[in-house]
Amino acid sequence: MRTSRNSLMQSTAARLPEVGRLQPLHEIVAFAQAPQSGGELLTRQALAARWNISERFLERLAVDGGGPPMVRLGRAVRYPVREADEWARRRIVAHTSEATVRERKAG
C-alpha cells in the first residue's frame, strides 16, 4: 500500500511535535542560560553573547594570542565550551591591579 506524501509528513509531524512550532521566549532564554555540555562548540558570536563581550574582542585575542582555546574548521572558528569557560575562570581577579601584576610575572 502506497502512502501519500502528505500523510507521511503529517504522521512525522505528529511524532515530532517540536518540529515546526515556535518556542516561547521563556523556553529559549532557559535553554540559553542552561549549562552547556563540555563537548559543545560555540561560534564566536555565541561565545561573545554568553560572556556579554564584543565579537571584536574575541577576534583580537585570536590574532594576538592569549585568548580562549579555539578549533579551526576550515575558515570557521569554534570555541569548546568547557575549555573556554576554564580559560575565563583562570582570569578571575580580586581587583584590577591584580591582572597587571599577573601579566608582568608571565611576560
PDB file of N, CA and C in Angstrom:
ATOM      1  N   MET A   1       0.837  -1.177   0.000  1.00  0.00           N
ATOM      2  CA  MET A   1       0.000   0.000   0.000  1.00  0.00           C
ATOM      3  C   MET A   1       0.882   1.240   0.000  1.00  0.00           C
ATOM      4  N   ARG A   2       0.621   2.133  -0.921  1.00  0.00           N
ATOM      5  CA  ARG A   2       1.388   3.375  -1.008  1.00  0.00           C
ATOM      6  C   ARG A   2       0.775   4.432  -0.119  1.00  0.00           C
ATOM      7  N   THR A   3       1.621   5.139   0.580  1.00  0.00           N
ATOM      8  CA  THR A   3       1.126   6.264   1.387  1.00  0.00           C
ATOM      9  C   THR A   3       1.442   7.548   0.646  1.00  0.00           C
ATOM     10  N   SER A   4       0.544   8.472   0.770  1.00  0.00           N
ATOM     11  CA  SER A   4       0.773   9.747   0.097  1.00  0.00           C
ATOM     12  C   SER A   4       1.831  10.543   0.858  1.00  0.00           C
ATOM     13  N   ARG A   5       2.434  11.453   0.170  1.00  0.00           N
ATOM     14  CA  ARG A   5       3.477  12.283   0.776  1.00  0.00           C
ATOM     15  C   ARG A   5       2.912  13.118   1.915  1.00  0.00           C
ATOM     16  N   ASN A   6       1.704  13.658   1.738  1.00  0.00           N
ATOM     17  CA  ASN A   6       1.087  14.478   2.785  1.00  0.00           C
ATOM     18  C   ASN A   6       0.826  13.668   4.044  1.00  0.00           C
ATOM     19  N   SER A   7       0.315  12.443   3.886  1.00  0.00           N
ATOM     20  CA  SER A   7       0.035  11.641   5.078  1.00  0.00           C
ATOM     21  C   SER A   7       1.330  11.258   5.786  1.00  0.00           C
ATOM     22  N   LEU A   8       2.403  11.021   5.035  1.00  0.00           N
ATOM     23  CA  LEU A   8       3.696  10.709   5.635  1.00  0.00           C
ATOM     24  C   LEU A   8       4.216  11.908   6.420  1.00  0.00           C
ATOM     25  N   MET A   9       4.095  13.087   5.845  1.00  0.00           N
ATOM     26  CA  MET A   9       4.535  14.298   6.530  1.00  0.00           C
ATOM     27  C   MET A   9       3.710  14.544   7.787  1.00  0.00           C
ATOM     28  N   GLN A  10       2.406  14.311   7.712  1.00  0.00           N
ATOM     29  CA  GLN A  10       1.542  14.522   8.867  1.00  0.00           C
ATOM     30  C   GLN A  10       1.883  13.540   9.985  1.00  0.00           C
ATOM     31  N   SER A  11       2.147  12.284   9.636  1.00  0.00           N
ATOM     32  CA  SER A  11       2.480  11.309  10.675  1.00  0.00           C
ATOM     33  C   SER A  11       3.834  11.635  11.307  1.00  0.00           C
ATOM     34  N   THR A  12       4.768  12.136  10.526  1.00  0.00           N
ATOM     35  CA  THR A  12       6.065  12.536  11.062  1.00  0.00           C
ATOM     36  C   THR A  12       5.905  13.720  11.992  1.00  0.00           C
ATOM     37  N   ALA A  13       5.103  14.692  11.604  1.00  0.00           N
ATOM     38  CA  ALA A  13       4.873  15.867  12.451  1.00  0.00           C
ATOM     39  C   ALA A  13       4.186  15.486  13.749  1.00  0.00           C
ATOM     40  N   ALA A  14       3.323  14.484  13.705  1.00  0.00           N
ATOM     41  CA  ALA A  14       2.640  14.045  14.920  1.00  0.00           C
ATOM     42  C   ALA A  14       3.622  13.409  15.901  1.00  0.00           C
ATOM     43  N   ARG A  15       4.619  12.703  15.394  1.00  0.00           N
ATOM     44  CA  ARG A  15       5.611  12.072  16.258  1.00  0.00           C
ATOM     45  C   ARG A  15       6.631  13.069  16.785  1.00  0.00           C
ATOM     46  N   LEU A  16       6.849  14.140  16.061  1.00  0.00           N
ATOM     47  CA  LEU A  16       7.828  15.150  16.449  1.00  0.00           C
ATOM     48  C   LEU A  16       7.132  16.498  16.611  1.00  0.00           C
ATOM     49  N   PRO A  17       6.412  16.718  17.710  1.00  0.00           N
ATOM     50  CA  PRO A  17       5.622  17.938  17.851  1.00  0.00           C
ATOM     51  C   PRO A  17       6.448  19.214  17.921  1.00  0.00           C
ATOM     52  N   GLU A  18       7.733  19.116  18.320  1.00  0.00           N
ATOM     53  CA  GLU A  18       8.534  20.324  18.429  1.00  0.00           C
ATOM     54  C   GLU A  18       8.965  20.866  17.065  1.00  0.00           C
ATOM     55  N   VAL A  19       8.914  20.031  16.041  1.00  0.00           N
ATOM     56  CA  VAL A  19       9.322  20.459  14.712  1.00  0.00           C
ATOM     57  C   VAL A  19       8.268  21.398  14.136  1.00  0.00           C
ATOM     58  N   GLY A  20       8.701  22.541  13.689  1.00  0.00           N
ATOM     59  CA  GLY A  20       7.810  23.466  13.024  1.00  0.00           C
ATOM     60  C   GLY A  20       7.002  24.356  13.948  1.00  0.00           C
ATOM     61  N   ARG A  21       7.211  24.255  15.242  1.00  0.00           N
ATOM     62  CA  ARG A  21       6.467  25.152  16.128  1.00  0.00           C
ATOM     63  C   ARG A  21       7.413  26.192  16.696  1.00  0.00           C
ATOM     64  N   LEU A  22       6.891  27.361  16.926  1.00  0.00           N
ATOM     65  CA  LEU A  22       7.679  28.417  17.541  1.00  0.00           C
ATOM     66  C   LEU A  22       7.764  28.150  19.030  1.00  0.00           C
ATOM     67  N   GLN A  23       8.943  28.321  19.577  1.00  0.00           N
ATOM     68  CA  GLN A  23       9.101  28.099  21.006  1.00  0.00           C
ATOM     69  C   GLN A  23       8.877  29.407  21.749  1.00  0.00           C
ATOM     70  N   PRO A  24       8.217  29.335  22.903  1.00  0.00           N
ATOM     71  CA  PRO A  24       8.027  30.551  23.693  1.00  0.00           C
ATOM     72  C   PRO A  24       9.366  31.129  24.109  1.00  0.00           C
ATOM     73  N   LEU A  25       9.403  32.431  24.275  1.00  0.00           N
ATOM     74  CA  LEU A  25      10.645  33.125  24.615  1.00  0.00           C
ATOM     75  C   LEU A  25      11.248  32.587  25.905  1.00  0.00           C
ATOM     76  N   HIS A  26      10.435  32.276  26.908  1.00  0.00           N
ATOM     77  CA  HIS A  26      10.994  31.792  28.178  1.00  0.00           C
ATOM     78  C   HIS A  26      11.715  30.451  27.994  1.00  0.00           C
ATOM     79  N   GLU A  27      11.278  29.608  27.039  1.00  0.00           N
ATOM     80  CA  GLU A  27      11.983  28.351  26.769  1.00  0.00           C
ATOM     81  C   GLU A  27      13.328  28.620  26.106  1.00  0.00           C
ATOM     82  N   ILE A  28      13.371  29.584  25.209  1.00  0.00           N
ATOM     83  CA  ILE A  28      14.619  29.927  24.526  1.00  0.00           C
ATOM     84  C   ILE A  28      15.618  30.506  25.514  1.00  0.00           C
ATOM     85  N   VAL A  29      15.154  31.401  26.391  1.00  0.00           N
ATOM     86  CA  VAL A  29      16.028  32.007  27.395  1.00  0.00           C
ATOM     87  C   VAL A  29      16.545  30.942  28.356  1.00  0.00           C
ATOM     88  N   ALA A  30      15.671  30.039  28.797  1.00  0.00           N
ATOM     89  CA  ALA A  30      16.090  28.974  29.713  1.00  0.00           C
ATOM     90  C   ALA A  30      17.149  28.090  29.061  1.00  0.00           C
ATOM     91  N   PHE A  31      16.982  27.769  27.785  1.00  0.00           N
ATOM     92  CA  PHE A  31      17.969  26.952  27.082  1.00  0.00           C
ATOM     93  C   PHE A  31      19.304  27.690  26.989  1.00  0.00           C
ATOM     94  N   ALA A  32      19.247  28.976  26.665  1.00  0.00           N
ATOM     95  CA  ALA A  32      20.484  29.752  26.514  1.00  0.00           C
ATOM     96  C   ALA A  32      21.232  29.893  27.840  1.00  0.00           C
ATOM     97  N   GLN A  33      20.500  29.923  28.956  1.00  0.00           N
ATOM     98  CA  GLN A  33      21.143  30.103  30.256  1.00  0.00           C
ATOM     99  C   GLN A  33      21.553  28.785  30.904  1.00  0.00           C
ATOM    100  N   ALA A  34      21.090  27.675  30.365  1.00  0.00           N
ATOM    101  CA  ALA A  34      21.418  26.368  30.946  1.00  0.00           C
ATOM    102  C   ALA A  34      22.895  26.059  30.725  1.00  0.00           C
ATOM    103  N   PRO A  35      23.515  25.349  31.669  1.00  0.00           N
ATOM    104  CA  PRO A  35      24.912  24.964  31.467  1.00  0.00           C
ATOM    105  C   PRO A  35      25.049  24.111  30.206  1.00  0.00           C
ATOM    106  N   GLN A  36      26.079  24.360  29.456  1.00  0.00           N
ATOM    107  CA  GLN A  36      26.299  23.641  28.212  1.00  0.00           C
ATOM    108  C   GLN A  36      27.162  22.415  28.471  1.00  0.00           C
ATOM    109  N   SER A  37      27.003  21.416  27.642  1.00  0.00           N
ATOM    110  CA  SER A  37      27.833  20.220  27.769  1.00  0.00           C
ATOM    111  C   SER A  37      29.261  20.560  27.358  1.00  0.00           C
ATOM    112  N   GLY A  38      30.209  19.815  27.888  1.00  0.00           N
ATOM    113  CA  GLY A  38      31.613  20.103  27.638  1.00  0.00           C
ATOM    114  C   GLY A  38      32.046  19.895  26.205  1.00  0.00           C
ATOM    115  N   GLY A  39      31.358  19.048  25.444  1.00  0.00           N
ATOM    116  CA  GLY A  39      31.762  18.763  24.092  1.00  0.00           C
ATOM    117  C   GLY A  39      31.212  19.723  23.060  1.00  0.00           C
ATOM    118  N   GLU A  40      30.420  20.667  23.479  1.00  0.00           N
ATOM    119  CA  GLU A  40      29.782  21.577  22.544  1.00  0.00           C
ATOM    120  C   GLU A  40      30.759  22.642  22.058  1.00  0.00           C
ATOM    121  N   LEU A  41      30.615  23.016  20.793  1.00  0.00           N
ATOM    122  CA  LEU A  41      31.423  24.084  20.208  1.00  0.00           C
ATOM    123  C   LEU A  41      30.537  25.297  19.973  1.00  0.00           C
ATOM    124  N   LEU A  42      31.035  26.460  20.328  1.00  0.00           N
ATOM    125  CA  LEU A  42      30.295  27.701  20.135  1.00  0.00           C
ATOM    126  C   LEU A  42      30.947  28.547  19.055  1.00  0.00           C
ATOM    127  N   THR A  43      30.139  29.266  18.317  1.00  0.00           N
ATOM    128  CA  THR A  43      30.670  30.244  17.370  1.00  0.00           C
ATOM    129  C   THR A  43      31.218  31.431  18.158  1.00  0.00           C
ATOM    130  N   ARG A  44      31.971  32.269  17.497  1.00  0.00           N
ATOM    131  CA  ARG A  44      32.486  33.469  18.144  1.00  0.00           C
ATOM    132  C   ARG A  44      31.329  34.349  18.612  1.00  0.00           C
ATOM    133  N   GLN A  45      30.301  34.439  17.793  1.00  0.00           N
ATOM    134  CA  GLN A  45      29.134  35.236  18.147  1.00  0.00           C
ATOM    135  C   GLN A  45      28.445  34.677  19.395  1.00  0.00           C
ATOM    136  N   ALA A  46      28.297  33.363  19.468  1.00  0.00           N
ATOM    137  CA  ALA A  46      27.631  32.746  20.620  1.00  0.00           C
ATOM    138  C   ALA A  46      28.459  32.905  21.893  1.00  0.00           C
ATOM    139  N   LEU A  47      29.786  32.766  21.787  1.00  0.00           N
ATOM    140  CA  LEU A  47      30.636  32.931  22.964  1.00  0.00           C
ATOM    141  C   LEU A  47      30.622  34.379  23.437  1.00  0.00           C
ATOM    142  N   ALA A  48      30.666  35.313  22.502  1.00  0.00           N
ATOM    143  CA  ALA A  48      30.601  36.728  22.874  1.00  0.00           C
ATOM    144  C   ALA A  48      29.284  37.035  23.588  1.00  0.00           C
ATOM    145  N   ALA A  49      28.189  36.485  23.106  1.00  0.00           N
ATOM    146  CA  ALA A  49      26.897  36.697  23.752  1.00  0.00           C
ATOM    147  C   ALA A  49      26.866  36.028  25.125  1.00  0.00           C
ATOM    148  N   ARG A  50      27.444  34.852  25.228  1.00  0.00           N
ATOM    149  CA  ARG A  50      27.477  34.113  26.506  1.00  0.00           C
ATOM    150  C   ARG A  50      28.205  34.910  27.573  1.00  0.00           C
ATOM    151  N   TRP A  51      29.313  35.552  27.192  1.00  0.00           N
ATOM    152  CA  TRP A  51      30.125  36.313  28.140  1.00  0.00           C
ATOM    153  C   TRP A  51      29.790  37.804  28.157  1.00  0.00           C
ATOM    154  N   ASN A  52      28.880  38.233  27.310  1.00  0.00           N
ATOM    155  CA  ASN A  52      28.487  39.640  27.213  1.00  0.00           C
ATOM    156  C   ASN A  52      29.693  40.533  26.882  1.00  0.00           C
ATOM    157  N   ILE A  53      30.446  40.111  25.878  1.00  0.00           N
ATOM    158  CA  ILE A  53      31.577  40.888  25.372  1.00  0.00           C
ATOM    159  C   ILE A  53      31.423  41.017  23.864  1.00  0.00           C
ATOM    160  N   SER A  54      32.259  41.832  23.242  1.00  0.00           N
ATOM    161  CA  SER A  54      32.138  42.023  21.801  1.00  0.00           C
ATOM    162  C   SER A  54      32.840  40.898  21.032  1.00  0.00           C
ATOM    163  N   GLU A  55      32.317  40.623  19.854  1.00  0.00           N
ATOM    164  CA  GLU A  55      32.972  39.656  18.973  1.00  0.00           C
ATOM    165  C   GLU A  55      34.364  40.156  18.586  1.00  0.00           C
ATOM    166  N   ARG A  56      34.483  41.455  18.429  1.00  0.00           N
ATOM    167  CA  ARG A  56      35.759  42.047  18.026  1.00  0.00           C
ATOM    168  C   ARG A  56      36.861  41.751  19.049  1.00  0.00           C
ATOM    169  N   PHE A  57      36.492  41.769  20.341  1.00  0.00           N
ATOM    170  CA  PHE A  57      37.465  41.452  21.382  1.00  0.00           C
ATOM    171  C   PHE A  57      37.976  40.020  21.214  1.00  0.00           C
ATOM    172  N   LEU A  58      37.066  39.085  20.950  1.00  0.00           N
ATOM    173  CA  LEU A  58      37.481  37.689  20.724  1.00  0.00           C
ATOM    174  C   LEU A  58      38.324  37.568  19.461  1.00  0.00           C
ATOM    175  N   GLU A  59      37.993  38.324  18.430  1.00  0.00           N
ATOM    176  CA  GLU A  59      38.795  38.311  17.206  1.00  0.00           C
ATOM    177  C   GLU A  59      40.219  38.780  17.496  1.00  0.00           C
ATOM    178  N   ARG A  60      40.332  39.847  18.268  1.00  0.00           N
ATOM    179  CA  ARG A  60      41.652  40.390  18.589  1.00  0.00           C
ATOM    180  C   ARG A  60      42.462  39.385  19.406  1.00  0.00           C
ATOM    181  N   LEU A  61      41.811  38.712  20.372  1.00  0.00           N
ATOM    182  CA  LEU A  61      42.518  37.694  21.148  1.00  0.00           C
ATOM    183  C   LEU A  61      42.977  36.547  20.260  1.00  0.00           C
ATOM    184  N   ALA A  62      42.175  36.192  19.272  1.00  0.00           N
ATOM    185  CA  ALA A  62      42.534  35.098  18.366  1.00  0.00           C
ATOM    186  C   ALA A  62      43.769  35.467  17.543  1.00  0.00           C
ATOM    187  N   VAL A  63      43.876  36.715  17.139  1.00  0.00           N
ATOM    188  CA  VAL A  63      45.011  37.163  16.325  1.00  0.00           C
ATOM    189  C   VAL A  63      46.254  37.375  17.187  1.00  0.00           C
ATOM    190  N   ASP A  64      46.080  38.052  18.332  1.00  0.00           N
ATOM    191  CA  ASP A  64      47.220  38.386  19.189  1.00  0.00           C
ATOM    192  C   ASP A  64      47.694  37.233  20.053  1.00  0.00           C
ATOM    193  N   GLY A  65      46.845  36.238  20.249  1.00  0.00           N
ATOM    194  CA  GLY A  65      47.186  35.127  21.136  1.00  0.00           C
ATOM    195  C   GLY A  65      46.734  35.419  22.554  1.00  0.00           C
ATOM    196  N   GLY A  66      46.700  34.375  23.348  1.00  0.00           N
ATOM    197  CA  GLY A  66      46.322  34.546  24.748  1.00  0.00           C
ATOM    198  C   GLY A  66      44.830  34.446  24.996  1.00  0.00           C
ATOM    199  N   GLY A  67      44.056  34.184  23.963  1.00  0.00           N
ATOM    200  CA  GLY A  67      42.608  34.073  24.120  1.00  0.00           C
ATOM    201  C   GLY A  67      42.183  32.664  24.477  1.00  0.00           C
ATOM    202  N   PRO A  68      40.880  32.456  24.535  1.00  0.00           N
ATOM    203  CA  PRO A  68      40.389  31.115  24.850  1.00  0.00           C
ATOM    204  C   PRO A  68      40.759  30.122  23.746  1.00  0.00           C
ATOM    205  N   PRO A  69      40.951  28.860  24.094  1.00  0.00           N
ATOM    206  CA  PRO A  69      41.287  27.849  23.083  1.00  0.00           C
ATOM    207  C   PRO A  69      40.196  27.777  22.020  1.00  0.00           C
ATOM    208  N   MET A  70      40.601  27.588  20.784  1.00  0.00           N
ATOM    209  CA  MET A  70      39.629  27.522  19.696  1.00  0.00           C
ATOM    210  C   MET A  70      39.974  26.390  18.755  1.00  0.00           C
ATOM    211  N   VAL A  71      38.985  26.016  17.970  1.00  0.00           N
ATOM    212  CA  VAL A  71      39.140  24.965  16.975  1.00  0.00           C
ATOM    213  C   VAL A  71      38.915  25.595  15.611  1.00  0.00           C
ATOM    214  N   ARG A  72      39.835  25.347  14.687  1.00  0.00           N
ATOM    215  CA  ARG A  72      39.666  25.833  13.319  1.00  0.00           C
ATOM    216  C   ARG A  72      39.094  24.715  12.478  1.00  0.00           C
ATOM    217  N   LEU A  73      37.975  24.958  11.861  1.00  0.00           N
ATOM    218  CA  LEU A  73      37.338  24.010  10.949  1.00  0.00           C
ATOM    219  C   LEU A  73      37.267  24.696   9.591  1.00  0.00           C
ATOM    220  N   GLY A  74      38.312  24.515   8.807  1.00  0.00           N
ATOM    221  CA  GLY A  74      38.402  25.280   7.562  1.00  0.00           C
ATOM    222  C   GLY A  74      38.613  26.744   7.920  1.00  0.00           C
ATOM    223  N   ARG A  75      37.714  27.594   7.463  1.00  0.00           N
ATOM    224  CA  ARG A  75      37.791  29.014   7.796  1.00  0.00           C
ATOM    225  C   ARG A  75      37.004  29.353   9.060  1.00  0.00           C
ATOM    226  N   ALA A  76      36.183  28.404   9.506  1.00  0.00           N
ATOM    227  CA  ALA A  76      35.344  28.646  10.679  1.00  0.00           C
ATOM    228  C   ALA A  76      36.150  28.475  11.966  1.00  0.00           C
ATOM    229  N   VAL A  77      35.837  29.296  12.950  1.00  0.00           N
ATOM    230  CA  VAL A  77      36.449  29.216  14.272  1.00  0.00           C
ATOM    231  C   VAL A  77      35.357  28.841  15.262  1.00  0.00           C
ATOM    232  N   ARG A  78      35.624  27.838  16.087  1.00  0.00           N
ATOM    233  CA  ARG A  78      34.681  27.417  17.116  1.00  0.00           C
ATOM    234  C   ARG A  78      35.420  27.312  18.443  1.00  0.00           C
ATOM    235  N   TYR A  79      34.692  27.558  19.516  1.00  0.00           N
ATOM    236  CA  TYR A  79      35.258  27.523  20.852  1.00  0.00           C
ATOM    237  C   TYR A  79      34.635  26.381  21.650  1.00  0.00           C
ATOM    238  N   PRO A  80      35.440  25.435  22.139  1.00  0.00           N
ATOM    239  CA  PRO A  80      34.897  24.392  23.012  1.00  0.00           C
ATOM    240  C   PRO A  80      34.427  25.035  24.316  1.00  0.00           C
ATOM    241  N   VAL A  81      33.207  24.750  24.714  1.00  0.00           N
ATOM    242  CA  VAL A  81      32.604  25.402  25.882  1.00  0.00           C
ATOM    243  C   VAL A  81      33.424  25.170  27.144  1.00  0.00           C
ATOM    244  N   ARG A  82      33.756  23.929  27.410  1.00  0.00           N
ATOM    245  CA  ARG A  82      34.462  23.609  28.662  1.00  0.00           C
ATOM    246  C   ARG A  82      35.799  24.345  28.737  1.00  0.00           C
ATOM    247  N   GLU A  83      36.578  24.310  27.664  1.00  0.00           N
ATOM    248  CA  GLU A  83      37.894  24.957  27.679  1.00  0.00           C
ATOM    249  C   GLU A  83      37.779  26.474  27.744  1.00  0.00           C
ATOM    250  N   ALA A  84      36.801  27.036  27.049  1.00  0.00           N
ATOM    251  CA  ALA A  84      36.623  28.485  27.075  1.00  0.00           C
ATOM    252  C   ALA A  84      36.220  28.953  28.472  1.00  0.00           C
ATOM    253  N   ASP A  85      35.319  28.223  29.119  1.00  0.00           N
ATOM    254  CA  ASP A  85      34.912  28.606  30.469  1.00  0.00           C
ATOM    255  C   ASP A  85      36.055  28.448  31.464  1.00  0.00           C
ATOM    256  N   GLU A  86      36.866  27.420  31.283  1.00  0.00           N
ATOM    257  CA  GLU A  86      38.036  27.239  32.154  1.00  0.00           C
ATOM    258  C   GLU A  86      39.029  28.380  31.942  1.00  0.00           C
ATOM    259  N   TRP A  87      39.232  28.775  30.703  1.00  0.00           N
ATOM    260  CA  TRP A  87      40.115  29.910  30.395  1.00  0.00           C
ATOM    261  C   TRP A  87      39.622  31.158  31.128  1.00  0.00           C
ATOM    262  N   ALA A  88      38.324  31.389  31.115  1.00  0.00           N
ATOM    263  CA  ALA A  88      37.758  32.559  31.794  1.00  0.00           C
ATOM    264  C   ALA A  88      37.911  32.436  33.312  1.00  0.00           C
ATOM    265  N   ARG A  89      37.710  31.240  33.862  1.00  0.00           N
ATOM    266  CA  ARG A  89      37.853  31.034  35.308  1.00  0.00           C
ATOM    267  C   ARG A  89      39.273  31.352  35.789  1.00  0.00           C
ATOM    268  N   ARG A  90      40.259  31.028  34.961  1.00  0.00           N
ATOM    269  CA  ARG A  90      41.652  31.304  35.353  1.00  0.00           C
ATOM    270  C   ARG A  90      41.949  32.798  35.386  1.00  0.00           C
ATOM    271  N   ARG A  91      41.080  33.606  34.861  1.00  0.00           N
ATOM    272  CA  ARG A  91      41.300  35.047  34.821  1.00  0.00           C
ATOM    273  C   ARG A  91      40.495  35.810  35.865  1.00  0.00           C
ATOM    274  N   ILE A  92      39.926  35.119  36.828  1.00  0.00           N
ATOM    275  CA  ILE A  92      39.188  35.785  37.904  1.00  0.00           C
ATOM    276  C   ILE A  92      40.199  36.456  38.826  1.00  0.00           C
ATOM    277  N   VAL A  93      39.986  37.733  39.095  1.00  0.00           N
ATOM    278  CA  VAL A  93      40.892  38.502  39.950  1.00  0.00           C
ATOM    279  C   VAL A  93      40.086  39.200  41.043  1.00  0.00           C
ATOM    280  N   ALA A  94      40.763  39.568  42.125  1.00  0.00           N
ATOM    281  CA  ALA A  94      40.116  40.259  43.240  1.00  0.00           C
ATOM    282  C   ALA A  94      40.035  41.760  42.998  1.00  0.00           C
ATOM    283  N   HIS A  95      40.989  42.309  42.264  1.00  0.00           N
ATOM    284  CA  HIS A  95      40.991  43.745  41.974  1.00  0.00           C
ATOM    285  C   HIS A  95      41.688  43.983  40.637  1.00  0.00           C
ATOM    286  N   THR A  96      41.514  45.157  40.081  1.00  0.00           N
ATOM    287  CA  THR A  96      42.007  45.425  38.729  1.00  0.00           C
ATOM    288  C   THR A  96      43.521  45.391  38.612  1.00  0.00           C
ATOM    289  N   SER A  97      44.251  45.781  39.648  1.00  0.00           N
ATOM    290  CA  SER A  97      45.707  45.774  39.540  1.00  0.00           C
ATOM    291  C   SER A  97      46.276  44.363  39.607  1.00  0.00           C
ATOM    292  N   GLU A  98      45.525  43.404  40.124  1.00  0.00           N
ATOM    293  CA  GLU A  98      45.995  42.021  40.184  1.00  0.00           C
ATOM    294  C   GLU A  98      46.257  41.464  38.791  1.00  0.00           C
ATOM    295  N   ALA A  99      45.442  41.835  37.825  1.00  0.00           N
ATOM    296  CA  ALA A  99      45.645  41.366  36.453  1.00  0.00           C
ATOM    297  C   ALA A  99      46.944  41.903  35.887  1.00  0.00           C
ATOM    298  N   THR A 100      47.292  43.140  36.194  1.00  0.00           N
ATOM    299  CA  THR A 100      48.517  43.740  35.682  1.00  0.00           C
ATOM    300  C   THR A 100      49.731  43.021  36.273  1.00  0.00           C
ATOM    301  N   VAL A 101      49.691  42.715  37.568  1.00  0.00           N
ATOM    302  CA  VAL A 101      50.812  42.019  38.227  1.00  0.00           C
ATOM    303  C   VAL A 101      50.971  40.627  37.602  1.00  0.00           C
ATOM    304  N   ARG A 102      49.874  39.931  37.368  1.00  0.00           N
ATOM    305  CA  ARG A 102      49.947  38.584  36.785  1.00  0.00           C
ATOM    306  C   ARG A 102      50.550  38.648  35.381  1.00  0.00           C
ATOM    307  N   GLU A 103      50.185  39.664  34.599  1.00  0.00           N
ATOM    308  CA  GLU A 103      50.707  39.788  33.233  1.00  0.00           C
ATOM    309  C   GLU A 103      52.211  40.075  33.259  1.00  0.00           C
ATOM    310  N   ARG A 104      52.692  40.875  34.214  1.00  0.00           N
ATOM    311  CA  ARG A 104      54.124  41.173  34.299  1.00  0.00           C
ATOM    312  C   ARG A 104      54.920  39.921  34.643  1.00  0.00           C
ATOM    313  N   LYS A 105      54.390  39.108  35.592  1.00  0.00           N
ATOM    314  CA  LYS A 105      55.079  37.889  36.004  1.00  0.00           C
ATOM    315  C   LYS A 105      55.136  36.890  34.857  1.00  0.00           C
ATOM    316  N   ALA A 106      54.066  36.824  34.041  1.00  0.00           N
ATOM    317  CA  ALA A 106      54.023  35.873  32.932  1.00  0.00           C
ATOM    318  C   ALA A 106      54.957  36.305  31.811  1.00  0.00           C
ATOM    319  N   GLY A 107      55.138  37.595  31.623  1.00  0.00           N
ATOM    320  CA  GLY A 107      55.925  38.102  30.497  1.00  0.00           C
ATOM    321  C   GLY A 107      57.335  38.203  30.784  1.00  0.00           C
TER     322      GLY A 107
END
